[in-house]
Amino acid sequence: MLEEDEEGEGPPEEGGGALTPPLLLAVVAAALSSVQVGFNVGVLNVPYRALSNTSLWQRGPSPPVAVPLLPLGAVPAALAAAPAAERLGRKGALLASNGLAVIGGALMGGAELGPTYALVVIGRLVTGLHSGLASGLVPLYVEEVAPPPLQGALSAAHEAGFALGLLTSQVLALPPLLGSVRSLPALLALGMLPAALQLLLLPMGPGGAHGACAGPAPRLGLPQLWGRGQLRQPMAIVVGAALGKELAGIGALYYYSTAIFERAGLPQPTWATVATGVINMAATLAAGALWRRAGRRALLMGGLLGMALSSVVMTMGMSMKAPWPLPPTLAMGGGLLLVSSFAMGPGLIPRLLPMELIPIPARAAAAGVTAAMAWAGNGAVAAAVPHMELSLGPFLFLPFGVLAAVSALGVFLFLPETRGAPLGPPKPSTELQLLGGS
């Protein structure tokens, strides 16, 4: 996964393409923010049904309301990631964002000491702010510290960290561990640990001397992204890819897989959720190794089509009248196909597209918009699933399958193949033209 890029960028300067210990430390430390994002996304999944039937939420919002609060907070924070990165630097902004992580975790962890619902709601929103900032800042920082031959490979660090955090939350939320209602505040508070570890490790990492984004060159902000003629089409592509991957339904499993598998008749739905986390982690690591050898269009389109197929398989498993265990097995297989299809293409490729389609002066702002659109789609799915489950029942995943197929068609029609596109600085004339106007 981490060997030198073979896509035509030429040999790096001596020492410029090596995965040195300081570089590895920086990437791992930055990815701790991604671990925390994944943890907070998945932490209410396993205890969701139990929380729906407990006095914990009396006088306050129910879990269907609490779940989408995280992406709700993440959308504006993702848009603020680029200004924060320019003002504080990528590394400084990442370190500062840990304040939100600690506050959010402390509020939720202290829920037993005060009005539980209020502290969880506020803490969930605050951790959403951290999640949005991290989603924009981690890829920018990794791009800044990594030499061009390794930028693309190391960009998978965010997805790998997210998958690890998601799996960790699913395992810790198992009933034998911290899955009881009484243990919920402690479980929610554990999200602070990656922030504490990052505060210790990240200051020891490099500050971006080798990165393509380092230096005093002017940057374009959010208002200029759509005002430059050269940026309108690539921005439409990256925004469409970010939104399409989320509307294909991955959030339905990230947030509600335990409840969905229980409804499908699986006898151990919590362990089925852990299985999706394991497959998600494995597929994410495989995608990090595969993306350099396969075309971006093929991976993204293939992943979306796999998600569309998975919706059909899950619908069959949840709706068909057949002897047990065929329906639950189909539902489980569809869920595993959904997460693996997402991880192998849609989970990674949309985050690479700003690096390959957007010139450096606009790249930070474009990364923030991309993250914000992904969180907006994620939040829409998180808010819609409980209502869709009530109205559609076993046909819950069919609309997501249609949206996945439509997104795959959009990739086929509009996404250029960016395999081999340089990840480093564009030609000076291109930058000057972009900075000069439309």
Protein backbone atom coordinates (compact mmCIF):
# COMPACT_ATOMS: atom_id res chain seq x y z
CA MET A 1 0.00 0.00 0.00
CA LEU A 2 2.81 2.39 0.84
CA GLU A 3 5.37 1.74 -1.85
CA GLU A 4 6.27 4.45 -4.34
CA ASP A 5 3.55 5.53 -6.73
CA GLU A 6 3.69 3.86 -10.14
CA GLU A 7 1.43 6.30 -11.94
CA GLY A 8 3.94 8.35 -13.81
CA GLU A 9 4.98 11.06 -11.38
CA GLY A 10 8.63 10.18 -11.88
CA PRO A 11 11.23 9.35 -9.28
CA PRO A 12 11.15 11.50 -6.17
CA GLU A 13 14.08 13.44 -4.89
CA GLU A 14 16.37 11.48 -2.62
CA GLY A 15 14.56 10.72 0.59
CA GLY A 16 11.42 12.44 -0.68
CA GLY A 17 9.36 9.30 -1.26
CA ALA A 18 10.23 7.28 1.83
CA LEU A 19 7.82 6.45 4.62
CA THR A 20 10.07 7.73 7.39
CA PRO A 21 9.30 7.23 11.10
CA PRO A 22 8.37 10.93 11.60
CA LEU A 23 6.02 10.76 8.61
CA LEU A 24 4.41 7.55 9.85
CA LEU A 25 3.99 9.11 13.30
CA ALA A 26 2.32 12.17 11.78
CA VAL A 27 -0.13 10.13 9.70
CA VAL A 28 -1.05 7.82 12.59
CA ALA A 29 -1.47 10.77 14.94
CA ALA A 30 -3.69 12.61 12.44
CA ALA A 31 -5.77 9.49 11.84
CA LEU A 32 -6.65 9.39 15.54
CA SER A 33 -9.17 12.12 14.72
CA SER A 34 -10.67 9.78 12.14
CA VAL A 35 -10.80 7.00 14.74
CA GLN A 36 -12.83 9.27 16.95
CA VAL A 37 -15.20 10.16 14.11
CA GLY A 38 -15.85 6.50 13.38
CA PHE A 39 -16.33 5.74 17.06
CA ASN A 40 -18.95 8.45 17.49
CA VAL A 41 -20.78 7.46 14.31
CA GLY A 42 -21.19 3.86 15.45
CA VAL A 43 -21.50 4.19 19.21
CA LEU A 44 -25.32 4.29 19.39
CA ASN A 45 -25.83 1.44 16.91
CA VAL A 46 -25.74 -1.61 19.18
CA PRO A 47 -27.64 -0.08 22.15
CA TYR A 48 -30.21 1.61 19.88
CA ARG A 49 -33.12 -0.76 20.59
CA ALA A 50 -32.44 -0.82 24.33
CA LEU A 51 -32.35 2.98 24.46
CA SER A 52 -35.67 3.17 22.66
CA ASN A 53 -37.32 1.27 25.54
CA THR A 54 -35.70 2.86 28.55
CA SER A 55 -36.38 5.76 30.88
CA LEU A 56 -33.00 7.23 29.95
CA TRP A 57 -34.72 9.32 27.29
CA GLN A 58 -37.72 10.41 29.33
CA ARG A 59 -38.45 14.13 28.98
CA GLY A 60 -36.05 14.31 26.08
CA PRO A 61 -35.49 13.33 22.46
CA SER A 62 -35.57 9.67 21.52
CA PRO A 63 -32.61 7.91 19.85
CA PRO A 64 -34.07 8.52 16.35
CA VAL A 65 -33.66 12.23 17.10
CA ALA A 66 -30.27 11.92 18.81
CA VAL A 67 -28.56 9.87 16.10
CA PRO A 68 -28.58 12.52 13.31
CA LEU A 69 -27.40 15.26 15.68
CA LEU A 70 -23.79 14.29 14.96
CA PRO A 71 -23.96 14.87 11.17
CA LEU A 72 -26.05 17.99 11.82
CA GLY A 73 -23.14 19.49 13.72
CA ALA A 74 -20.59 18.16 11.24
CA VAL A 75 -21.93 20.00 8.16
CA PRO A 76 -21.07 23.60 9.20
CA ALA A 77 -17.87 22.47 10.87
CA ALA A 78 -16.65 20.82 7.66
CA LEU A 79 -17.16 24.12 5.83
CA ALA A 80 -15.11 25.82 8.54
CA ALA A 81 -12.22 23.36 8.16
CA ALA A 82 -10.52 25.27 5.33
CA PRO A 83 -10.56 28.69 7.07
CA ALA A 84 -9.35 27.03 10.27
CA ALA A 85 -6.55 25.30 8.37
CA GLU A 86 -5.44 28.56 6.75
CA ARG A 87 -5.54 30.50 10.02
CA LEU A 88 -4.01 27.92 12.36
CA GLY A 89 -2.25 25.63 9.92
CA ARG A 90 -3.34 22.05 9.31
CA LYS A 91 -1.54 20.71 12.34
CA GLY A 92 -2.63 23.55 14.62
CA ALA A 93 -6.26 23.25 13.55
CA LEU A 94 -6.25 19.50 14.20
CA LEU A 95 -4.84 20.04 17.68
CA ALA A 96 -7.37 22.77 18.43
CA SER A 97 -10.28 20.63 17.28
CA ASN A 98 -9.53 18.20 20.09
CA GLY A 99 -11.04 20.73 22.48
CA LEU A 100 -14.43 20.02 20.93
CA ALA A 101 -13.82 16.29 21.18
CA VAL A 102 -13.02 16.52 24.88
CA ILE A 103 -15.98 18.79 25.65
CA GLY A 104 -18.41 16.58 23.75
CA GLY A 105 -17.14 13.39 25.36
CA ALA A 106 -17.18 14.94 28.84
CA LEU A 107 -20.77 16.12 28.43
CA MET A 108 -22.00 12.70 27.33
CA GLY A 109 -19.87 10.90 29.90
CA GLY A 110 -21.33 13.07 32.67
CA ALA A 111 -24.90 12.33 31.64
CA GLU A 112 -25.61 10.46 34.89
CA LEU A 113 -24.77 13.59 36.88
CA GLY A 114 -27.32 15.88 35.25
CA PRO A 115 -30.27 15.96 32.89
CA THR A 116 -29.25 12.94 30.82
CA TYR A 117 -31.05 13.80 27.62
CA ALA A 118 -29.77 17.39 27.55
CA LEU A 119 -26.14 16.44 28.13
CA VAL A 120 -26.23 13.68 25.53
CA VAL A 121 -27.90 15.96 22.97
CA ILE A 122 -25.44 18.81 23.50
CA GLY A 123 -22.49 16.43 23.62
CA ARG A 124 -23.63 14.73 20.42
CA LEU A 125 -23.79 18.09 18.65
CA VAL A 126 -20.35 19.12 19.90
CA THR A 127 -18.79 15.84 18.80
CA GLY A 128 -20.45 16.48 15.45
CA LEU A 129 -18.56 19.76 15.20
CA HIS A 130 -15.32 17.89 15.84
CA SER A 131 -16.26 15.24 13.28
CA GLY A 132 -16.84 17.81 10.56
CA LEU A 133 -13.54 19.56 11.24
CA ALA A 134 -11.64 16.27 11.35
CA SER A 135 -13.15 15.10 8.05
CA GLY A 136 -11.80 18.19 6.34
CA LEU A 137 -8.53 18.60 8.22
CA VAL A 138 -7.11 15.07 8.30
CA PRO A 139 -6.86 14.68 4.48
CA LEU A 140 -5.39 18.19 4.19
CA TYR A 141 -2.76 17.54 6.84
CA VAL A 142 -1.78 14.18 5.39
CA GLU A 143 -1.47 15.75 1.95
CA GLU A 144 0.68 18.51 3.43
CA VAL A 145 3.17 16.31 5.27
CA ALA A 146 3.43 13.52 2.69
CA PRO A 147 5.76 13.72 -0.33
CA PRO A 148 3.89 13.58 -3.68
CA PRO A 149 4.68 9.89 -4.38
CA LEU A 150 2.96 8.89 -1.14
CA GLN A 151 0.12 11.40 -0.95
CA GLY A 152 -2.45 9.21 -2.61
CA ALA A 153 -1.57 6.07 -0.66
CA LEU A 154 -1.52 7.85 2.69
CA SER A 155 -4.82 9.58 1.95
CA ALA A 156 -6.49 6.28 2.86
CA ALA A 157 -5.47 6.95 6.49
CA HIS A 158 -8.74 8.79 7.17
CA GLU A 159 -10.89 5.91 5.93
CA ALA A 160 -8.77 3.34 7.78
CA GLY A 161 -9.00 5.34 11.01
CA PHE A 162 -12.75 5.77 10.58
CA ALA A 163 -13.23 2.03 10.02
CA LEU A 164 -11.14 1.23 13.11
CA GLY A 165 -13.14 3.63 15.27
CA LEU A 166 -16.43 2.26 13.96
CA LEU A 167 -15.40 -1.33 14.72
CA THR A 168 -14.14 -0.35 18.17
CA SER A 169 -17.46 1.24 19.08
CA GLN A 170 -19.36 -1.83 17.90
CA VAL A 171 -17.20 -4.20 19.95
CA LEU A 172 -17.25 -2.11 23.13
CA ALA A 173 -21.04 -1.72 22.88
CA LEU A 174 -21.58 -5.49 23.08
CA PRO A 175 -23.70 -6.45 26.11
CA PRO A 176 -20.86 -8.28 27.92
CA LEU A 177 -18.76 -5.10 27.79
CA LEU A 178 -20.37 -1.61 27.83
CA GLY A 179 -23.61 -2.37 26.00
CA SER A 180 -25.97 -1.89 28.94
CA VAL A 181 -28.00 1.27 29.42
CA ARG A 182 -26.25 1.89 32.72
CA SER A 183 -22.85 1.81 30.99
CA LEU A 184 -23.85 4.12 28.14
CA PRO A 185 -22.32 7.35 29.57
CA ALA A 186 -18.97 5.58 30.05
CA LEU A 187 -19.16 4.20 26.52
CA LEU A 188 -19.88 7.64 25.06
CA ALA A 189 -17.05 9.21 27.06
CA LEU A 190 -14.48 6.80 25.62
CA GLY A 191 -14.52 8.87 22.45
CA MET A 192 -12.22 11.31 24.27
CA LEU A 193 -9.32 8.86 24.37
CA PRO A 194 -8.17 9.31 20.73
CA ALA A 195 -8.18 13.07 21.28
CA ALA A 196 -5.98 12.75 24.36
CA LEU A 197 -3.58 10.47 22.50
CA GLN A 198 -3.41 12.81 19.53
CA LEU A 199 -2.55 15.75 21.80
CA LEU A 200 0.47 13.73 22.94
CA LEU A 201 1.64 12.42 19.55
CA LEU A 202 0.80 15.00 16.89
CA PRO A 203 3.13 17.75 18.22
CA MET A 204 6.04 15.35 17.59
CA GLY A 205 5.14 14.97 13.91
CA PRO A 206 6.42 17.16 11.07
CA GLY A 207 4.64 20.37 10.23
CA GLY A 208 4.33 20.01 6.49
CA ALA A 209 7.66 20.98 4.98
CA HIS A 210 7.26 18.46 2.15
CA GLY A 211 3.60 19.02 1.40
CA ALA A 212 2.18 20.48 -1.73
CA CYS A 213 -0.06 22.76 0.34
CA ALA A 214 2.77 24.33 2.33
CA GLY A 215 3.92 27.78 1.55
CA PRO A 216 2.51 31.30 1.27
CA ALA A 217 0.66 30.93 -2.06
CA PRO A 218 -2.78 32.59 -2.12
CA ARG A 219 -5.78 30.41 -1.47
CA LEU A 220 -9.32 30.58 -2.79
CA GLY A 221 -12.12 30.55 -0.23
CA LEU A 222 -15.64 29.17 -0.35
CA PRO A 223 -17.19 32.16 -2.19
CA GLN A 224 -14.72 31.79 -5.08
CA LEU A 225 -15.24 28.07 -5.67
CA TRP A 226 -18.27 28.55 -7.92
CA GLY A 227 -17.15 31.88 -9.34
CA ARG A 228 -14.23 30.49 -11.35
CA GLY A 229 -15.24 28.95 -14.63
CA GLN A 230 -12.46 26.33 -14.45
CA LEU A 231 -13.80 25.07 -11.12
CA ARG A 232 -17.52 24.71 -11.78
CA GLN A 233 -17.45 21.37 -13.53
CA PRO A 234 -14.88 19.66 -11.26
CA MET A 235 -16.66 21.02 -8.19
CA ALA A 236 -19.96 19.64 -9.45
CA ILE A 237 -18.28 16.25 -9.88
CA VAL A 238 -16.67 16.12 -6.43
CA VAL A 239 -19.83 17.36 -4.71
CA GLY A 240 -21.98 14.87 -6.62
CA ALA A 241 -19.64 12.00 -5.74
CA ALA A 242 -19.57 12.94 -2.05
CA LEU A 243 -23.35 13.26 -1.83
CA GLY A 244 -24.09 10.20 -3.95
CA LYS A 245 -21.98 7.81 -1.88
CA GLU A 246 -23.93 8.71 1.27
CA LEU A 247 -27.40 8.66 -0.30
CA ALA A 248 -26.65 5.11 -1.45
CA GLY A 249 -27.48 4.08 2.12
CA ILE A 250 -24.30 3.22 3.99
CA GLY A 251 -25.46 5.29 6.98
CA ALA A 252 -28.43 2.98 7.43
CA LEU A 253 -26.02 0.25 8.53
CA TYR A 254 -23.57 2.53 10.32
CA TYR A 255 -26.31 3.83 12.60
CA TYR A 256 -29.02 1.17 12.67
CA SER A 257 -27.63 -2.22 11.59
CA THR A 258 -28.41 -3.91 14.92
CA ALA A 259 -32.08 -2.91 14.77
CA ILE A 260 -32.27 -3.84 11.07
CA PHE A 261 -30.72 -7.28 11.59
CA GLU A 262 -33.00 -7.88 14.56
CA ARG A 263 -36.02 -7.11 12.41
CA ALA A 264 -34.68 -9.46 9.73
CA GLY A 265 -34.73 -12.32 12.25
CA LEU A 266 -31.03 -12.76 13.02
CA PRO A 267 -30.69 -14.40 16.45
CA GLN A 268 -27.53 -12.41 17.35
CA PRO A 269 -27.94 -9.00 15.67
CA THR A 270 -25.23 -7.34 17.75
CA TRP A 271 -22.64 -9.85 16.53
CA ALA A 272 -23.88 -9.34 12.98
CA THR A 273 -23.15 -5.64 13.40
CA VAL A 274 -19.62 -6.46 14.57
CA ALA A 275 -19.22 -8.65 11.47
CA THR A 276 -20.07 -5.68 9.23
CA GLY A 277 -17.42 -3.67 11.08
CA VAL A 278 -14.79 -6.35 10.51
CA ILE A 279 -15.62 -6.59 6.80
CA ASN A 280 -15.63 -2.81 6.53
CA MET A 281 -12.15 -2.63 8.07
CA ALA A 282 -10.75 -5.37 5.84
CA ALA A 283 -12.26 -3.90 2.67
CA THR A 284 -10.96 -0.43 3.55
CA LEU A 285 -7.42 -1.74 3.88
CA ALA A 286 -7.78 -3.65 0.62
CA ALA A 287 -9.04 -0.53 -1.14
CA GLY A 288 -6.00 1.40 0.07
CA ALA A 289 -3.80 -1.09 -1.76
CA LEU A 290 -6.00 -1.41 -4.84
CA TRP A 291 -6.83 2.17 -5.74
CA ARG A 292 -3.45 2.85 -7.42
CA ARG A 293 -3.81 -0.13 -9.76
CA ALA A 294 -7.46 0.26 -10.71
CA GLY A 295 -9.21 3.18 -12.35
CA ARG A 296 -11.08 5.59 -10.10
CA ARG A 297 -14.18 5.36 -12.30
CA ALA A 298 -14.15 1.56 -12.16
CA LEU A 299 -13.79 1.41 -8.38
CA LEU A 300 -16.41 4.07 -7.70
CA MET A 301 -18.92 2.80 -10.24
CA GLY A 302 -18.37 -0.84 -9.26
CA GLY A 303 -18.81 -0.02 -5.59
CA LEU A 304 -22.05 1.86 -6.21
CA LEU A 305 -23.43 -0.96 -8.33
CA GLY A 306 -22.48 -3.41 -5.58
CA MET A 307 -24.41 -1.26 -3.11
CA ALA A 308 -27.41 -1.28 -5.46
CA LEU A 309 -27.24 -5.08 -5.66
CA SER A 310 -26.93 -5.34 -1.90
CA SER A 311 -30.18 -3.44 -1.46
CA VAL A 312 -31.95 -6.08 -3.55
CA VAL A 313 -30.39 -8.92 -1.53
CA MET A 314 -31.31 -7.29 1.79
CA THR A 315 -34.86 -6.65 0.59
CA MET A 316 -35.22 -10.31 -0.36
CA GLY A 317 -33.96 -11.40 3.03
CA MET A 318 -36.23 -9.02 4.92
CA SER A 319 -39.40 -9.65 2.90
CA MET A 320 -39.44 -13.23 1.64
CA LYS A 321 -41.44 -15.97 3.33
CA ALA A 322 -39.08 -18.93 3.35
CA PRO A 323 -37.89 -21.46 5.91
CA TRP A 324 -35.38 -20.17 8.42
CA PRO A 325 -32.45 -19.48 8.13
CA LEU A 326 -32.58 -18.40 4.47
CA PRO A 327 -34.14 -14.92 4.93
CA PRO A 328 -31.86 -13.85 7.82
CA THR A 329 -28.85 -15.22 5.96
CA LEU A 330 -29.74 -13.18 2.88
CA ALA A 331 -30.20 -10.06 4.98
CA MET A 332 -26.82 -10.61 6.61
CA GLY A 333 -25.15 -11.29 3.26
CA GLY A 334 -26.68 -8.14 1.81
CA GLY A 335 -25.35 -6.10 4.71
CA LEU A 336 -21.84 -7.47 4.28
CA LEU A 337 -22.02 -6.78 0.54
CA LEU A 338 -23.17 -3.22 1.24
CA VAL A 339 -20.28 -2.33 3.55
CA SER A 340 -17.63 -4.08 1.44
CA SER A 341 -18.87 -2.44 -1.78
CA PHE A 342 -18.82 0.96 -0.09
CA ALA A 343 -15.34 0.51 1.36
CA MET A 344 -13.83 -0.71 -1.92
CA GLY A 345 -14.74 2.42 -3.87
CA PRO A 346 -17.26 5.00 -2.66
CA GLY A 347 -15.67 5.22 0.78
CA LEU A 348 -12.28 6.31 -0.58
CA ILE A 349 -12.50 7.67 -4.12
CA PRO A 350 -14.66 10.79 -3.50
CA ARG A 351 -12.09 11.95 -0.94
CA LEU A 352 -9.31 11.60 -3.52
CA LEU A 353 -11.11 13.55 -6.23
CA PRO A 354 -10.42 17.06 -4.84
CA MET A 355 -6.70 16.19 -4.84
CA GLU A 356 -6.84 15.10 -8.47
CA LEU A 357 -9.41 17.48 -9.99
CA ILE A 358 -9.03 20.72 -8.03
CA PRO A 359 -5.94 22.98 -8.29
CA ILE A 360 -4.04 23.66 -5.09
CA PRO A 361 -5.29 27.23 -4.44
CA ALA A 362 -8.87 25.93 -4.17
CA ARG A 363 -8.13 22.51 -2.75
CA ALA A 364 -8.61 23.27 0.95
CA ALA A 365 -11.99 24.90 0.37
CA ALA A 366 -13.03 22.10 -2.00
CA ALA A 367 -12.11 19.47 0.58
CA GLY A 368 -14.30 21.26 3.13
CA VAL A 369 -17.25 21.41 0.75
CA THR A 370 -16.78 17.75 -0.14
CA ALA A 371 -16.81 16.75 3.54
CA ALA A 372 -19.84 18.96 4.24
CA MET A 373 -21.84 17.41 1.40
CA ALA A 374 -20.92 13.92 2.58
CA TRP A 375 -22.11 14.77 6.10
CA ALA A 376 -25.30 16.33 4.73
CA GLY A 377 -26.11 13.12 2.88
CA ASN A 378 -25.13 11.08 5.93
CA GLY A 379 -27.42 13.14 8.15
CA ALA A 380 -30.31 12.86 5.70
CA VAL A 381 -30.02 9.07 5.77
CA ALA A 382 -29.67 9.00 9.57
CA ALA A 383 -32.81 11.09 10.01
CA ALA A 384 -34.85 9.27 7.34
CA VAL A 385 -34.22 5.61 8.19
CA PRO A 386 -36.48 5.34 11.29
CA HIS A 387 -39.38 6.87 9.36
CA MET A 388 -38.66 4.81 6.25
CA GLU A 389 -38.60 1.67 8.36
CA LEU A 390 -42.08 2.44 9.66
CA SER A 391 -43.51 3.22 6.25
CA LEU A 392 -41.61 0.78 4.00
CA GLY A 393 -40.93 -2.09 6.37
CA PRO A 394 -38.87 -4.81 4.65
CA PHE A 395 -38.50 -2.64 1.55
CA LEU A 396 -36.43 -0.08 3.44
CA PHE A 397 -33.32 -0.46 1.28
CA LEU A 398 -34.92 -0.29 -2.16
CA PRO A 399 -34.84 3.56 -2.40
CA PHE A 400 -31.17 3.50 -1.45
CA GLY A 401 -30.53 0.93 -4.15
CA VAL A 402 -32.16 3.18 -6.74
CA LEU A 403 -30.05 6.13 -5.61
CA ALA A 404 -26.91 3.99 -5.74
CA ALA A 405 -27.70 2.99 -9.34
CA VAL A 406 -28.37 6.62 -10.29
CA SER A 407 -25.06 7.66 -8.73
CA ALA A 408 -23.24 4.93 -10.68
CA LEU A 409 -24.81 6.27 -13.88
CA GLY A 410 -23.59 9.77 -12.97
CA VAL A 411 -20.07 8.43 -12.49
CA PHE A 412 -20.21 6.73 -15.89
CA LEU A 413 -21.43 9.87 -17.64
CA PHE A 414 -19.46 12.64 -15.95
CA LEU A 415 -16.40 11.45 -14.00
CA PRO A 416 -13.16 11.55 -15.99
CA GLU A 417 -10.59 8.88 -15.23
CA THR A 418 -8.08 10.50 -12.86
CA ARG A 419 -5.76 7.53 -12.47
CA GLY A 420 -2.29 8.88 -13.12
CA ALA A 421 -3.31 12.49 -12.44
CA PRO A 422 -0.52 14.34 -10.64
CA LEU A 423 -1.17 14.91 -6.95
CA GLY A 424 1.47 17.58 -6.62
CA PRO A 425 1.42 21.22 -7.73
CA PRO A 426 -0.09 21.96 -11.14
CA LYS A 427 1.78 23.93 -13.75
CA PRO A 428 2.44 27.52 -12.63
CA SER A 429 0.43 28.92 -15.55
CA THR A 430 -2.63 26.97 -14.39
CA GLU A 431 -2.38 28.35 -10.87
CA LEU A 432 -1.85 31.90 -12.06
CA GLN A 433 -4.80 31.68 -14.42
CA LEU A 434 -7.03 30.35 -11.67
CA LEU A 435 -5.97 33.01 -9.19
CA GLY A 436 -6.45 35.68 -11.78
CA GLY A 437 -10.13 35.01 -12.39
CA SER A 438 -12.55 32.94 -14.43
